[in-house]
């Protein structure tokens, strides 16, 4: 990351609340009238002081071995399998999607006892679909414990699941591409086959992504920046055949943010000329960008390089206010990368792509227009914004369909 961005603060606080409050195999999404309130901030939960001793930490680069590293790393406190993408129907209707599987260890040691329910691993899933043509945004979450096969992760065969939400490897040993993704919640479902159009890239320093200056305030992080995606999307209005491109991030860590860091703005952009750009900007209390903000530029042939904070100019061009409480998010950007002679305008497909689940953050599909080396360029991508609205929403966390205006991708 991306920063330990995959809303780790949601994971750590939400999972702990759920385990203590419910203790069931499938943990029901809370009723809006009984949703817990929290005063925890991103910095409090993701900081080094919030992580107990006994867990492994990301301190130095390490060799990556596959398919082993597609699977879980239980010695670390948390990790995620995170896929976003932009899809089109045969008629050209644009859709965005996000699916994230989170694993969180409640304590370093295994629990004592003989109960088959015992586990120190808890899983959370977030699933969202942006229906730009239908002016809708659908968001869901699930919690489950890593026991009795209810949720889990494994490397051989590769599989990550929360009940019937599943990401699975292919081939005779279940470790090869294409991977299959199958998610259903109420009347929204997504079934995709995913194949890499480029090899994976290691983020940061050979896969070590430093987020804070302290030793161990880092994650191990790699990405598939361009996956070919094809399958079906089911919405309340019917089922569409879809195809497009996706992006997968994998991270695991124990602590990340440092004092003074309050959130991040993360960008995953896929340009029509074959280039990809990931950039995350860690925000400090005064609104400035932390020096440890960074990213990666990936060429069409898969060769990539580190992008330092000083190389990027990022300016907010629009603002959007949440209808929940007026919390203000960026709603448009101008991003420039002079070394690549790149200037981009980034615009959300829908202004309102705020996930109002147990906790709130904004994550949504965007379109990209601009120039590179004097030539016009277009593209698509995803943006995640955390730390702008800490409190849970008061409306139903089970499902929200926001109607915020019609938008779509420009024709290529």
Foldseek 3Di string as FASTA:
>chain_A
DFFVAPPVVCVVVVQVVQCVPPVDFWGDFDDLVPQDWDPDFPCRCQAPVNFDPQADFQFDADDDDPPQVLWDDLSAFKKKKKKKWWKAFPVGFIKIKIKMKMKGFQDRDFDDDDDQSGGRIKIKMKIWMGRQQVQWIKIAMIIGGPGPPQFGAGRFLGWGDHHPFIWWADDPRGRHAQIWTWDDDDQKIDIKTKAALADKDAPDPNQWQAQDPDRRQTKRKIKRLWIWIWDWITDPVGIGTMIGIMMIMIITGHHHHHPFFGWKKWWWWAWPQQKIKIWMFTAGPVGDTDQSTWIKIAHNHGDIDIGGPVQKDKDQDAWDADPQPGQIDRAWIWMDRVVQQWIKTKGFSFSDQWQQGSWIWHKGKIKIWTDTPRHTIITIIMMTIPRRGGTHGSDDNGIGIHRGDHGRYDDD
